[in-house]
Amino acid sequence: MEKASEHYFYVLKSGDGSFYGGYTTDVQRRVRQHNDGKGAKYTRSKGPVKLIYTEAFETKGEALRAEYRFKKLTRKQKEKFLGLAGDRDDQ
């Protein structure tokens, strides 16, 4: 039986405290790319980045929809989603 590929929505916290949400099939490889300056243009000048959230999905479409929903949130809503609301030491 073939293992279904997993698709991930992930969130990084940049060195400046901002959040970046993305999609990948290999979370650790993607985080390395971001920290090596080979990831998204947004994270290149904001490193190093730290992985703070991952969620696995069965399909690419589901993971991309999760990423899209996250990116539409306000900063406050993102903090609440990530369980960081009121956690001022982790900014």
C-alpha atoms as a PDB file:
ATOM      1  CA  MET A   1       0.000   0.000   0.000  1.00  0.00           C
ATOM      2  CA  GLU A   2       1.418   3.354  -1.057  1.00  0.00           C
ATOM      3  CA  LYS A   3       1.691   6.085   1.558  1.00  0.00           C
ATOM      4  CA  ALA A   4      -0.277   9.189   0.639  1.00  0.00           C
ATOM      5  CA  SER A   5       1.860  12.286   0.389  1.00  0.00           C
ATOM      6  CA  GLU A   6       1.281  14.833   3.095  1.00  0.00           C
ATOM      7  CA  HIS A   7       0.817  18.510   2.506  1.00  0.00           C
ATOM      8  CA  TYR A   8       1.603  21.036   5.199  1.00  0.00           C
ATOM      9  CA  PHE A   9       0.591  24.524   6.152  1.00  0.00           C
ATOM     10  CA  TYR A  10       3.288  26.039   8.356  1.00  0.00           C
ATOM     11  CA  VAL A  11       3.929  29.288  10.180  1.00  0.00           C
ATOM     12  CA  LEU A  12       7.312  30.863  10.822  1.00  0.00           C
ATOM     13  CA  LYS A  13       8.170  33.634  13.218  1.00  0.00           C
ATOM     14  CA  SER A  14      10.757  35.980  11.751  1.00  0.00           C
ATOM     15  CA  GLY A  15      13.582  37.690  13.587  1.00  0.00           C
ATOM     16  CA  ASP A  16      11.549  40.915  13.560  1.00  0.00           C
ATOM     17  CA  GLY A  17       8.573  39.162  15.213  1.00  0.00           C
ATOM     18  CA  SER A  18       6.409  38.975  12.096  1.00  0.00           C
ATOM     19  CA  PHE A  19       4.635  35.787  11.002  1.00  0.00           C
ATOM     20  CA  TYR A  20       4.961  34.045   7.654  1.00  0.00           C
ATOM     21  CA  GLY A  21       2.561  31.303   6.565  1.00  0.00           C
ATOM     22  CA  GLY A  22       3.411  28.892   3.781  1.00  0.00           C
ATOM     23  CA  TYR A  23       2.806  25.556   2.106  1.00  0.00           C
ATOM     24  CA  THR A  24       5.206  22.636   1.635  1.00  0.00           C
ATOM     25  CA  THR A  25       5.475  18.869   1.451  1.00  0.00           C
ATOM     26  CA  ASP A  26       8.695  18.848   3.526  1.00  0.00           C
ATOM     27  CA  VAL A  27       8.625  21.209   6.491  1.00  0.00           C
ATOM     28  CA  GLN A  28      12.224  20.825   7.691  1.00  0.00           C
ATOM     29  CA  ARG A  29      13.653  21.312   4.184  1.00  0.00           C
ATOM     30  CA  ARG A  30      11.505  24.405   3.698  1.00  0.00           C
ATOM     31  CA  VAL A  31      12.567  25.969   7.019  1.00  0.00           C
ATOM     32  CA  ARG A  32      16.224  25.380   6.058  1.00  0.00           C
ATOM     33  CA  GLN A  33      15.578  27.101   2.725  1.00  0.00           C
ATOM     34  CA  HIS A  34      14.096  30.114   4.482  1.00  0.00           C
ATOM     35  CA  ASN A  35      17.059  30.341   6.868  1.00  0.00           C
ATOM     36  CA  ASP A  36      19.539  29.913   4.007  1.00  0.00           C
ATOM     37  CA  GLY A  37      18.012  32.895   2.196  1.00  0.00           C
ATOM     38  CA  LYS A  38      16.512  30.665  -0.496  1.00  0.00           C
ATOM     39  CA  GLY A  39      12.927  30.774   0.739  1.00  0.00           C
ATOM     40  CA  ALA A  40      10.283  33.370   0.119  1.00  0.00           C
ATOM     41  CA  LYS A  41      11.382  36.903  -0.676  1.00  0.00           C
ATOM     42  CA  TYR A  42       9.480  38.066   2.444  1.00  0.00           C
ATOM     43  CA  THR A  43      11.679  36.051   4.834  1.00  0.00           C
ATOM     44  CA  ARG A  44      15.064  36.752   3.197  1.00  0.00           C
ATOM     45  CA  SER A  45      15.694  39.958   5.119  1.00  0.00           C
ATOM     46  CA  LYS A  46      13.861  38.922   8.290  1.00  0.00           C
ATOM     47  CA  GLY A  47      15.864  35.883   9.376  1.00  0.00           C
ATOM     48  CA  PRO A  48      16.538  33.810  11.151  1.00  0.00           C
ATOM     49  CA  VAL A  49      13.093  32.270  11.179  1.00  0.00           C
ATOM     50  CA  LYS A  50      11.671  29.837  13.719  1.00  0.00           C
ATOM     51  CA  LEU A  51       9.013  27.227  12.963  1.00  0.00           C
ATOM     52  CA  ILE A  52       6.108  27.789  15.369  1.00  0.00           C
ATOM     53  CA  TYR A  53       3.180  25.899  13.785  1.00  0.00           C
ATOM     54  CA  THR A  54       2.494  23.038  11.364  1.00  0.00           C
ATOM     55  CA  GLU A  55      -0.675  21.330  10.271  1.00  0.00           C
ATOM     56  CA  ALA A  56      -0.851  18.326   7.931  1.00  0.00           C
ATOM     57  CA  PHE A  57      -3.500  17.883   5.255  1.00  0.00           C
ATOM     58  CA  GLU A  58      -4.310  15.057   2.853  1.00  0.00           C
ATOM     59  CA  THR A  59      -4.478  17.328  -0.183  1.00  0.00           C
ATOM     60  CA  LYS A  60      -2.518  20.268  -1.495  1.00  0.00           C
ATOM     61  CA  GLY A  61      -5.743  22.243  -1.926  1.00  0.00           C
ATOM     62  CA  GLU A  62      -6.662  21.911   1.749  1.00  0.00           C
ATOM     63  CA  ALA A  63      -3.208  23.083   2.852  1.00  0.00           C
ATOM     64  CA  LEU A  64      -3.269  26.029   0.442  1.00  0.00           C
ATOM     65  CA  ARG A  65      -6.720  27.057   1.693  1.00  0.00           C
ATOM     66  CA  ALA A  66      -5.413  26.999   5.288  1.00  0.00           C
ATOM     67  CA  GLU A  67      -2.490  29.203   4.214  1.00  0.00           C
ATOM     68  CA  TYR A  68      -4.849  31.612   2.433  1.00  0.00           C
ATOM     69  CA  ARG A  69      -7.147  31.881   5.472  1.00  0.00           C
ATOM     70  CA  PHE A  70      -4.170  32.545   7.772  1.00  0.00           C
ATOM     71  CA  LYS A  71      -2.777  35.274   5.542  1.00  0.00           C
ATOM     72  CA  LYS A  72      -6.136  37.080   5.610  1.00  0.00           C
ATOM     73  CA  LEU A  73      -6.098  37.331   9.421  1.00  0.00           C
ATOM     74  CA  THR A  74      -5.050  40.439  11.325  1.00  0.00           C
ATOM     75  CA  ARG A  75      -1.968  40.270  13.559  1.00  0.00           C
ATOM     76  CA  LYS A  76      -4.207  39.907  16.621  1.00  0.00           C
ATOM     77  CA  GLN A  77      -6.215  37.106  14.975  1.00  0.00           C
ATOM     78  CA  LYS A  78      -2.987  35.327  13.975  1.00  0.00           C
ATOM     79  CA  GLU A  79      -1.739  35.492  17.570  1.00  0.00           C
ATOM     80  CA  LYS A  80      -5.031  34.024  18.792  1.00  0.00           C
ATOM     81  CA  PHE A  81      -4.918  31.267  16.145  1.00  0.00           C
ATOM     82  CA  LEU A  82      -1.356  30.400  17.190  1.00  0.00           C
ATOM     83  CA  GLY A  83      -2.173  30.492  20.891  1.00  0.00           C
ATOM     84  CA  LEU A  84       0.070  33.512  21.452  1.00  0.00           C
ATOM     85  CA  ALA A  85      -2.569  36.035  22.513  1.00  0.00           C
ATOM     86  CA  GLY A  86      -1.349  37.727  25.658  1.00  0.00           C
ATOM     87  CA  ASP A  87       2.052  36.027  25.415  1.00  0.00           C
ATOM     88  CA  ARG A  88       4.180  39.157  25.170  1.00  0.00           C
ATOM     89  CA  ASP A  89       7.444  37.354  26.062  1.00  0.00           C
ATOM     90  CA  ASP A  90       7.368  35.414  22.761  1.00  0.00           C
ATOM     91  CA  GLN A  91       7.280  38.342  20.361  1.00  0.00           C
END
